[in-house]
């Protein structure tokens, strides 16, 4: 199977797999996990201001609409369907493609997020090279990845993960570039073991998510009740991510700064 056919098959997978293609910004409100993740990220970023921000592999529930201090928002994904919702605003720019060959000029962005993306790419080193190319010196990269290969399960395989990462794997990927790690933080702790149950019944899980989205959007009474459930779940998931030791964190985040080439701080540490 040649490279083009592999890319086409993966694109078709993400367009047809409703757990990806049907995602929208409403997932922030219906999923305790998504709300916990995004709120943790917002805490880590603080009140930074960005001119051009890009979310790679964003699917339909990008972090960018939930960050206030951005002038122009760019969305990039291999699948077409999840990106359609971002065509409604003149300051939003959705683009279809592959992360290993990004259609942007060098030094375009001062913020890039890649949330649970590079584990889907076999040649992850090519993705990192492209991120380095298009991020400005002084720019910020937000990266999250599934953590610890010992947690790799059928669920990872089902949703297209080639691997889970150790911290030193990420350091090795960025070894040839001028990135400084500003923060390493937990995104999901042991609460994410719920994925083991989801993997056992993937079709039922997808149907349940679709039904939940529909009820949340169309039933105001249900929406009020579900908001309280989500806030409760988010609270405990954020505590779990904050207080678990890194060795037990199942999804981990990195905040990088791209240093100027001549800087003395151009080595990851």
C-alpha atoms as a PDB file:
ATOM      1  CA  UNK A   1       0.000   0.000   0.000  1.00  0.00           C
ATOM      2  CA  UNK A   2       1.566   3.300  -1.058  1.00  0.00           C
ATOM      3  CA  UNK A   3       1.705   6.463   1.026  1.00  0.00           C
ATOM      4  CA  UNK A   4      -1.193   8.230  -0.747  1.00  0.00           C
ATOM      5  CA  UNK A   5      -3.529   5.265  -0.224  1.00  0.00           C
ATOM      6  CA  UNK A   6      -2.576   5.061   3.454  1.00  0.00           C
ATOM      7  CA  UNK A   7      -3.365   8.763   3.908  1.00  0.00           C
ATOM      8  CA  UNK A   8      -6.686   8.401   2.073  1.00  0.00           C
ATOM      9  CA  UNK A   9      -7.663   5.426   4.239  1.00  0.00           C
ATOM     10  CA  UNK A  10      -6.845   7.330   7.398  1.00  0.00           C
ATOM     11  CA  UNK A  11      -8.815  10.353   6.202  1.00  0.00           C
ATOM     12  CA  UNK A  12     -11.811   8.129   5.435  1.00  0.00           C
ATOM     13  CA  UNK A  13     -11.465   6.540   8.872  1.00  0.00           C
ATOM     14  CA  UNK A  14     -11.649   9.869  10.693  1.00  0.00           C
ATOM     15  CA  UNK A  15     -14.476  11.188   8.504  1.00  0.00           C
ATOM     16  CA  UNK A  16     -16.569   8.057   9.076  1.00  0.00           C
ATOM     17  CA  UNK A  17     -15.669   7.366  12.713  1.00  0.00           C
ATOM     18  CA  UNK A  18     -18.357   9.371  14.514  1.00  0.00           C
ATOM     19  CA  UNK A  19     -16.294   9.697  17.657  1.00  0.00           C
ATOM     20  CA  UNK A  20     -14.157  12.076  15.544  1.00  0.00           C
ATOM     21  CA  UNK A  21     -16.329  13.337  12.690  1.00  0.00           C
ATOM     22  CA  UNK A  22     -19.318  14.322  14.845  1.00  0.00           C
ATOM     23  CA  UNK A  23     -17.299  16.263  17.386  1.00  0.00           C
ATOM     24  CA  UNK A  24     -18.232  19.896  17.839  1.00  0.00           C
ATOM     25  CA  UNK A  25     -17.511  22.620  20.357  1.00  0.00           C
ATOM     26  CA  UNK A  26     -20.461  21.371  22.383  1.00  0.00           C
ATOM     27  CA  UNK A  27     -18.270  18.473  23.526  1.00  0.00           C
ATOM     28  CA  UNK A  28     -16.669  20.885  25.993  1.00  0.00           C
ATOM     29  CA  UNK A  29     -20.031  21.101  27.746  1.00  0.00           C
ATOM     30  CA  UNK A  30     -21.123  17.458  27.552  1.00  0.00           C
ATOM     31  CA  UNK A  31     -17.836  15.727  28.425  1.00  0.00           C
ATOM     32  CA  UNK A  32     -16.266  16.010  31.894  1.00  0.00           C
ATOM     33  CA  UNK A  33     -12.995  14.815  30.353  1.00  0.00           C
ATOM     34  CA  UNK A  34     -12.912  17.463  27.627  1.00  0.00           C
ATOM     35  CA  UNK A  35     -13.921  20.235  30.020  1.00  0.00           C
ATOM     36  CA  UNK A  36     -11.273  19.158  32.549  1.00  0.00           C
ATOM     37  CA  UNK A  37      -8.617  18.970  29.831  1.00  0.00           C
ATOM     38  CA  UNK A  38      -9.382  22.386  28.342  1.00  0.00           C
ATOM     39  CA  UNK A  39      -9.638  24.067  31.752  1.00  0.00           C
ATOM     40  CA  UNK A  40      -6.280  22.593  32.806  1.00  0.00           C
ATOM     41  CA  UNK A  41      -4.746  23.893  29.571  1.00  0.00           C
ATOM     42  CA  UNK A  42      -6.217  27.364  30.111  1.00  0.00           C
ATOM     43  CA  UNK A  43      -4.658  27.437  33.579  1.00  0.00           C
ATOM     44  CA  UNK A  44      -1.258  26.454  32.179  1.00  0.00           C
ATOM     45  CA  UNK A  45      -1.349  29.067  29.401  1.00  0.00           C
ATOM     46  CA  UNK A  46      -2.460  31.928  31.606  1.00  0.00           C
ATOM     47  CA  UNK A  47      -3.309  35.227  29.901  1.00  0.00           C
ATOM     48  CA  UNK A  48      -0.851  35.068  27.003  1.00  0.00           C
ATOM     49  CA  UNK A  49      -1.775  37.015  23.854  1.00  0.00           C
ATOM     50  CA  UNK A  50      -1.318  35.529  20.384  1.00  0.00           C
ATOM     51  CA  UNK A  51      -1.713  36.947  16.884  1.00  0.00           C
ATOM     52  CA  UNK A  52      -1.774  33.767  14.769  1.00  0.00           C
ATOM     53  CA  UNK A  53      -2.749  30.557  16.549  1.00  0.00           C
ATOM     54  CA  UNK A  54      -2.961  27.116  14.951  1.00  0.00           C
ATOM     55  CA  UNK A  55      -4.615  23.979  16.326  1.00  0.00           C
ATOM     56  CA  UNK A  56      -3.240  20.865  14.629  1.00  0.00           C
ATOM     57  CA  UNK A  57      -5.436  17.793  14.349  1.00  0.00           C
ATOM     58  CA  UNK A  58      -8.182  19.719  16.089  1.00  0.00           C
ATOM     59  CA  UNK A  59     -11.100  17.609  14.881  1.00  0.00           C
ATOM     60  CA  UNK A  60     -14.290  19.483  15.752  1.00  0.00           C
ATOM     61  CA  UNK A  61     -13.655  20.463  19.360  1.00  0.00           C
ATOM     62  CA  UNK A  62     -10.644  22.761  19.182  1.00  0.00           C
ATOM     63  CA  UNK A  63      -9.202  24.502  22.230  1.00  0.00           C
ATOM     64  CA  UNK A  64      -8.803  27.789  20.299  1.00  0.00           C
ATOM     65  CA  UNK A  65     -12.403  29.094  20.631  1.00  0.00           C
ATOM     66  CA  UNK A  66     -12.012  28.804  24.404  1.00  0.00           C
ATOM     67  CA  UNK A  67      -8.886  30.999  24.485  1.00  0.00           C
ATOM     68  CA  UNK A  68      -9.768  34.694  24.566  1.00  0.00           C
ATOM     69  CA  UNK A  69      -6.568  36.468  23.569  1.00  0.00           C
ATOM     70  CA  UNK A  70      -6.107  35.342  19.954  1.00  0.00           C
ATOM     71  CA  UNK A  71      -6.470  37.548  16.869  1.00  0.00           C
ATOM     72  CA  UNK A  72      -6.629  34.882  14.140  1.00  0.00           C
ATOM     73  CA  UNK A  73      -7.449  31.203  14.611  1.00  0.00           C
ATOM     74  CA  UNK A  74      -6.303  28.486  12.210  1.00  0.00           C
ATOM     75  CA  UNK A  75      -7.682  24.939  12.328  1.00  0.00           C
ATOM     76  CA  UNK A  76      -6.008  21.962  10.673  1.00  0.00           C
ATOM     77  CA  UNK A  77      -7.158  18.370  10.365  1.00  0.00           C
ATOM     78  CA  UNK A  78      -6.963  15.396   8.033  1.00  0.00           C
ATOM     79  CA  UNK A  79     -10.764  15.044   8.021  1.00  0.00           C
ATOM     80  CA  UNK A  80     -13.142  17.476   6.302  1.00  0.00           C
ATOM     81  CA  UNK A  81     -16.390  17.054   8.243  1.00  0.00           C
ATOM     82  CA  UNK A  82     -15.217  18.257  11.685  1.00  0.00           C
ATOM     83  CA  UNK A  83     -13.758  21.450  10.194  1.00  0.00           C
ATOM     84  CA  UNK A  84     -16.962  22.719   8.570  1.00  0.00           C
ATOM     85  CA  UNK A  85     -18.160  24.470  11.746  1.00  0.00           C
ATOM     86  CA  UNK A  86     -15.125  26.790  11.662  1.00  0.00           C
ATOM     87  CA  UNK A  87     -16.055  28.406   8.314  1.00  0.00           C
ATOM     88  CA  UNK A  88     -18.558  30.809   9.842  1.00  0.00           C
ATOM     89  CA  UNK A  89     -16.148  33.437  11.211  1.00  0.00           C
ATOM     90  CA  UNK A  90     -13.940  35.704   9.105  1.00  0.00           C
ATOM     91  CA  UNK A  91     -11.115  35.344  11.632  1.00  0.00           C
ATOM     92  CA  UNK A  92     -11.177  31.517  11.499  1.00  0.00           C
ATOM     93  CA  UNK A  93      -9.305  29.549   8.847  1.00  0.00           C
ATOM     94  CA  UNK A  94      -9.895  25.770   8.566  1.00  0.00           C
ATOM     95  CA  UNK A  95      -7.579  23.723   6.346  1.00  0.00           C
ATOM     96  CA  UNK A  96      -7.461  20.028   5.400  1.00  0.00           C
ATOM     97  CA  UNK A  97      -4.159  18.199   5.080  1.00  0.00           C
ATOM     98  CA  UNK A  98      -1.558  16.048   6.794  1.00  0.00           C
ATOM     99  CA  UNK A  99       0.670  17.177   9.614  1.00  0.00           C
ATOM    100  CA  UNK A 100       3.807  15.784   7.983  1.00  0.00           C
ATOM    101  CA  UNK A 101       3.446  18.342   5.148  1.00  0.00           C
ATOM    102  CA  UNK A 102       1.855  21.524   6.462  1.00  0.00           C
ATOM    103  CA  UNK A 103       0.709  24.171   3.938  1.00  0.00           C
ATOM    104  CA  UNK A 104       2.050  27.142   5.911  1.00  0.00           C
ATOM    105  CA  UNK A 105       5.090  29.363   5.468  1.00  0.00           C
ATOM    106  CA  UNK A 106       8.051  29.317   7.831  1.00  0.00           C
ATOM    107  CA  UNK A 107       7.682  31.223  11.107  1.00  0.00           C
ATOM    108  CA  UNK A 108       3.956  31.891  10.642  1.00  0.00           C
ATOM    109  CA  UNK A 109       2.514  31.190  14.091  1.00  0.00           C
ATOM    110  CA  UNK A 110       3.213  32.426  17.589  1.00  0.00           C
ATOM    111  CA  UNK A 111       1.070  29.669  19.126  1.00  0.00           C
ATOM    112  CA  UNK A 112       0.539  26.063  18.062  1.00  0.00           C
ATOM    113  CA  UNK A 113      -1.456  23.421  19.880  1.00  0.00           C
ATOM    114  CA  UNK A 114      -1.282  19.730  19.061  1.00  0.00           C
ATOM    115  CA  UNK A 115      -3.580  17.966  21.486  1.00  0.00           C
ATOM    116  CA  UNK A 116      -3.385  14.165  21.350  1.00  0.00           C
ATOM    117  CA  UNK A 117      -2.276  14.222  17.707  1.00  0.00           C
ATOM    118  CA  UNK A 118       1.282  13.032  17.098  1.00  0.00           C
ATOM    119  CA  UNK A 119       0.556   9.554  18.494  1.00  0.00           C
ATOM    120  CA  UNK A 120      -1.679   9.111  15.403  1.00  0.00           C
ATOM    121  CA  UNK A 121       1.278   9.719  13.073  1.00  0.00           C
ATOM    122  CA  UNK A 122       3.692   6.914  12.314  1.00  0.00           C
ATOM    123  CA  UNK A 123       6.467   9.324  11.286  1.00  0.00           C
ATOM    124  CA  UNK A 124       6.052  11.574  14.327  1.00  0.00           C
ATOM    125  CA  UNK A 125       9.535  13.040  13.801  1.00  0.00           C
ATOM    126  CA  UNK A 126       8.299  14.560  10.512  1.00  0.00           C
ATOM    127  CA  UNK A 127       5.403  16.204  12.343  1.00  0.00           C
ATOM    128  CA  UNK A 128       7.794  17.726  14.896  1.00  0.00           C
ATOM    129  CA  UNK A 129      10.019  19.023  12.086  1.00  0.00           C
ATOM    130  CA  UNK A 130       7.036  20.751  10.482  1.00  0.00           C
ATOM    131  CA  UNK A 131       5.923  22.254  13.798  1.00  0.00           C
ATOM    132  CA  UNK A 132       9.411  23.639  14.303  1.00  0.00           C
ATOM    133  CA  UNK A 133       9.403  25.104  10.780  1.00  0.00           C
ATOM    134  CA  UNK A 134       6.160  27.074  11.068  1.00  0.00           C
ATOM    135  CA  UNK A 135       6.454  28.238  14.705  1.00  0.00           C
ATOM    136  CA  UNK A 136       8.113  31.628  15.195  1.00  0.00           C
ATOM    137  CA  UNK A 137      11.115  32.007  17.498  1.00  0.00           C
ATOM    138  CA  UNK A 138       9.645  32.967  20.852  1.00  0.00           C
ATOM    139  CA  UNK A 139       6.423  31.139  19.977  1.00  0.00           C
ATOM    140  CA  UNK A 140       4.614  28.726  22.268  1.00  0.00           C
ATOM    141  CA  UNK A 141       3.864  25.084  21.530  1.00  0.00           C
ATOM    142  CA  UNK A 142       1.264  23.224  23.566  1.00  0.00           C
ATOM    143  CA  UNK A 143       1.542  19.459  23.194  1.00  0.00           C
ATOM    144  CA  UNK A 144      -0.475  16.713  24.880  1.00  0.00           C
ATOM    145  CA  UNK A 145       0.046  12.993  24.363  1.00  0.00           C
ATOM    146  CA  UNK A 146      -1.146   9.705  25.875  1.00  0.00           C
ATOM    147  CA  UNK A 147       1.386   8.761  28.533  1.00  0.00           C
ATOM    148  CA  UNK A 148       3.109   5.461  29.389  1.00  0.00           C
ATOM    149  CA  UNK A 149       3.229   2.489  27.028  1.00  0.00           C
ATOM    150  CA  UNK A 150       2.234   0.257  29.922  1.00  0.00           C
ATOM    151  CA  UNK A 151      -1.261   1.764  29.568  1.00  0.00           C
ATOM    152  CA  UNK A 152      -1.507   0.936  25.845  1.00  0.00           C
ATOM    153  CA  UNK A 153      -4.716  -1.034  25.242  1.00  0.00           C
ATOM    154  CA  UNK A 154      -7.089  -2.076  22.498  1.00  0.00           C
ATOM    155  CA  UNK A 155      -8.718   1.362  22.855  1.00  0.00           C
ATOM    156  CA  UNK A 156      -5.480   2.984  21.670  1.00  0.00           C
ATOM    157  CA  UNK A 157      -5.345   0.647  18.696  1.00  0.00           C
ATOM    158  CA  UNK A 158      -9.020   1.249  17.910  1.00  0.00           C
ATOM    159  CA  UNK A 159      -8.634   5.020  17.621  1.00  0.00           C
ATOM    160  CA  UNK A 160      -5.381   4.908  15.658  1.00  0.00           C
ATOM    161  CA  UNK A 161      -2.625   5.377  18.238  1.00  0.00           C
ATOM    162  CA  UNK A 162       0.750   4.097  17.081  1.00  0.00           C
ATOM    163  CA  UNK A 163       2.154   4.538  20.565  1.00  0.00           C
ATOM    164  CA  UNK A 164       1.921   6.131  23.977  1.00  0.00           C
ATOM    165  CA  UNK A 165       4.876   8.288  25.095  1.00  0.00           C
ATOM    166  CA  UNK A 166       7.307   8.418  27.967  1.00  0.00           C
ATOM    167  CA  UNK A 167       8.654  11.864  28.898  1.00  0.00           C
ATOM    168  CA  UNK A 168      12.088  11.013  27.531  1.00  0.00           C
ATOM    169  CA  UNK A 169      10.476  10.032  24.192  1.00  0.00           C
ATOM    170  CA  UNK A 170       9.196  13.598  23.812  1.00  0.00           C
ATOM    171  CA  UNK A 171      12.561  15.034  24.811  1.00  0.00           C
ATOM    172  CA  UNK A 172      14.219  12.844  22.180  1.00  0.00           C
ATOM    173  CA  UNK A 173      11.781  13.955  19.466  1.00  0.00           C
ATOM    174  CA  UNK A 174      12.681  17.606  20.085  1.00  0.00           C
ATOM    175  CA  UNK A 175      16.416  17.049  20.634  1.00  0.00           C
ATOM    176  CA  UNK A 176      17.514  18.710  17.358  1.00  0.00           C
ATOM    177  CA  UNK A 177      15.419  21.853  17.752  1.00  0.00           C
ATOM    178  CA  UNK A 178      15.643  24.993  19.860  1.00  0.00           C
ATOM    179  CA  UNK A 179      12.778  24.256  22.219  1.00  0.00           C
ATOM    180  CA  UNK A 180      12.735  24.870  25.939  1.00  0.00           C
ATOM    181  CA  UNK A 181      10.228  23.030  28.112  1.00  0.00           C
ATOM    182  CA  UNK A 182       8.425  25.568  30.277  1.00  0.00           C
ATOM    183  CA  UNK A 183       6.041  23.137  31.971  1.00  0.00           C
ATOM    184  CA  UNK A 184       5.189  19.448  32.186  1.00  0.00           C
ATOM    185  CA  UNK A 185       1.744  18.795  33.619  1.00  0.00           C
ATOM    186  CA  UNK A 186      -0.842  16.089  34.037  1.00  0.00           C
ATOM    187  CA  UNK A 187      -3.930  16.222  31.822  1.00  0.00           C
ATOM    188  CA  UNK A 188      -5.653  12.957  32.754  1.00  0.00           C
ATOM    189  CA  UNK A 189      -4.872  10.806  35.758  1.00  0.00           C
ATOM    190  CA  UNK A 190      -6.161   7.367  36.595  1.00  0.00           C
ATOM    191  CA  UNK A 191      -9.755   8.437  35.906  1.00  0.00           C
ATOM    192  CA  UNK A 192      -9.051   7.848  32.226  1.00  0.00           C
ATOM    193  CA  UNK A 193      -9.080   4.106  32.827  1.00  0.00           C
ATOM    194  CA  UNK A 194     -12.735   4.446  31.881  1.00  0.00           C
ATOM    195  CA  UNK A 195     -11.435   4.027  28.321  1.00  0.00           C
ATOM    196  CA  UNK A 196     -10.912   0.341  29.064  1.00  0.00           C
ATOM    197  CA  UNK A 197     -14.679  -0.068  29.388  1.00  0.00           C
ATOM    198  CA  UNK A 198     -15.302   2.044  26.275  1.00  0.00           C
ATOM    199  CA  UNK A 199     -12.952  -0.169  24.278  1.00  0.00           C
ATOM    200  CA  UNK A 200     -14.986  -3.227  25.201  1.00  0.00           C
ATOM    201  CA  UNK A 201     -18.103  -1.820  23.486  1.00  0.00           C
ATOM    202  CA  UNK A 202     -17.007   0.780  20.905  1.00  0.00           C
ATOM    203  CA  UNK A 203     -20.261   0.829  18.895  1.00  0.00           C
ATOM    204  CA  UNK A 204     -22.397   1.327  22.001  1.00  0.00           C
ATOM    205  CA  UNK A 205     -20.042   4.063  23.185  1.00  0.00           C
ATOM    206  CA  UNK A 206     -20.342   5.976  19.902  1.00  0.00           C
ATOM    207  CA  UNK A 207     -24.128   5.654  19.853  1.00  0.00           C
ATOM    208  CA  UNK A 208     -24.278   6.897  23.433  1.00  0.00           C
ATOM    209  CA  UNK A 209     -22.184   9.971  22.611  1.00  0.00           C
ATOM    210  CA  UNK A 210     -24.368  10.853  19.637  1.00  0.00           C
ATOM    211  CA  UNK A 211     -27.527  10.517  21.731  1.00  0.00           C
ATOM    212  CA  UNK A 212     -26.007  12.640  24.484  1.00  0.00           C
ATOM    213  CA  UNK A 213     -25.113  15.458  22.067  1.00  0.00           C
ATOM    214  CA  UNK A 214     -28.632  15.474  20.663  1.00  0.00           C
ATOM    215  CA  UNK A 215     -30.347  15.523  24.067  1.00  0.00           C
ATOM    216  CA  UNK A 216     -28.046  18.241  25.370  1.00  0.00           C
ATOM    217  CA  UNK A 217     -28.755  20.509  22.410  1.00  0.00           C
ATOM    218  CA  UNK A 218     -32.511  19.917  22.234  1.00  0.00           C
ATOM    219  CA  UNK A 219     -33.661  19.418  25.813  1.00  0.00           C
ATOM    220  CA  UNK A 220     -33.170  22.463  28.112  1.00  0.00           C
ATOM    221  CA  UNK A 221     -34.125  20.555  31.263  1.00  0.00           C
ATOM    222  CA  UNK A 222     -31.683  17.762  30.520  1.00  0.00           C
ATOM    223  CA  UNK A 223     -29.023  20.381  29.707  1.00  0.00           C
ATOM    224  CA  UNK A 224     -29.296  21.983  33.157  1.00  0.00           C
ATOM    225  CA  UNK A 225     -28.994  18.627  34.895  1.00  0.00           C
ATOM    226  CA  UNK A 226     -26.121  17.492  32.681  1.00  0.00           C
ATOM    227  CA  UNK A 227     -24.200  20.735  33.276  1.00  0.00           C
ATOM    228  CA  UNK A 228     -24.091  19.936  36.993  1.00  0.00           C
ATOM    229  CA  UNK A 229     -22.968  16.359  36.313  1.00  0.00           C
ATOM    230  CA  UNK A 230     -20.197  17.566  34.001  1.00  0.00           C
ATOM    231  CA  UNK A 231     -18.965  20.184  36.472  1.00  0.00           C
ATOM    232  CA  UNK A 232     -18.836  17.570  39.227  1.00  0.00           C
ATOM    233  CA  UNK A 233     -16.951  15.121  37.026  1.00  0.00           C
ATOM    234  CA  UNK A 234     -14.597  17.836  35.804  1.00  0.00           C
ATOM    235  CA  UNK A 235     -13.741  18.841  39.363  1.00  0.00           C
ATOM    236  CA  UNK A 236     -12.660  15.319  40.320  1.00  0.00           C
ATOM    237  CA  UNK A 237     -10.795  14.729  37.068  1.00  0.00           C
ATOM    238  CA  UNK A 238      -8.817  17.929  37.538  1.00  0.00           C
ATOM    239  CA  UNK A 239      -7.916  16.900  41.083  1.00  0.00           C
ATOM    240  CA  UNK A 240      -6.901  13.475  39.796  1.00  0.00           C
ATOM    241  CA  UNK A 241      -4.616  15.012  37.155  1.00  0.00           C
ATOM    242  CA  UNK A 242      -3.112  17.479  39.614  1.00  0.00           C
ATOM    243  CA  UNK A 243      -2.249  15.133  42.463  1.00  0.00           C
ATOM    244  CA  UNK A 244      -1.348  11.877  40.742  1.00  0.00           C
ATOM    245  CA  UNK A 245       2.418  11.333  40.471  1.00  0.00           C
ATOM    246  CA  UNK A 246       3.665  11.693  36.883  1.00  0.00           C
ATOM    247  CA  UNK A 247       4.314   7.958  36.740  1.00  0.00           C
ATOM    248  CA  UNK A 248       0.543   7.380  36.985  1.00  0.00           C
ATOM    249  CA  UNK A 249      -0.581  10.153  34.651  1.00  0.00           C
ATOM    250  CA  UNK A 250      -2.311   8.672  31.599  1.00  0.00           C
ATOM    251  CA  UNK A 251      -2.251  11.830  29.465  1.00  0.00           C
ATOM    252  CA  UNK A 252       0.512  14.401  29.829  1.00  0.00           C
ATOM    253  CA  UNK A 253       1.001  17.958  28.645  1.00  0.00           C
ATOM    254  CA  UNK A 254       4.075  19.943  27.636  1.00  0.00           C
ATOM    255  CA  UNK A 255       4.380  23.693  27.244  1.00  0.00           C
ATOM    256  CA  UNK A 256       7.349  24.612  25.040  1.00  0.00           C
ATOM    257  CA  UNK A 257       8.909  27.886  23.988  1.00  0.00           C
ATOM    258  CA  UNK A 258      10.854  28.019  20.732  1.00  0.00           C
ATOM    259  CA  UNK A 259      14.088  29.806  21.513  1.00  0.00           C
ATOM    260  CA  UNK A 260      16.116  31.888  19.063  1.00  0.00           C
ATOM    261  CA  UNK A 261      18.841  29.781  17.466  1.00  0.00           C
ATOM    262  CA  UNK A 262      21.664  31.739  19.056  1.00  0.00           C
ATOM    263  CA  UNK A 263      20.160  31.605  22.548  1.00  0.00           C
ATOM    264  CA  UNK A 264      22.061  29.850  25.299  1.00  0.00           C
ATOM    265  CA  UNK A 265      18.770  28.272  26.361  1.00  0.00           C
ATOM    266  CA  UNK A 266      18.206  26.444  23.076  1.00  0.00           C
ATOM    267  CA  UNK A 267      18.444  22.983  24.620  1.00  0.00           C
ATOM    268  CA  UNK A 268      15.509  21.152  26.159  1.00  0.00           C
ATOM    269  CA  UNK A 269      15.972  20.775  29.891  1.00  0.00           C
END
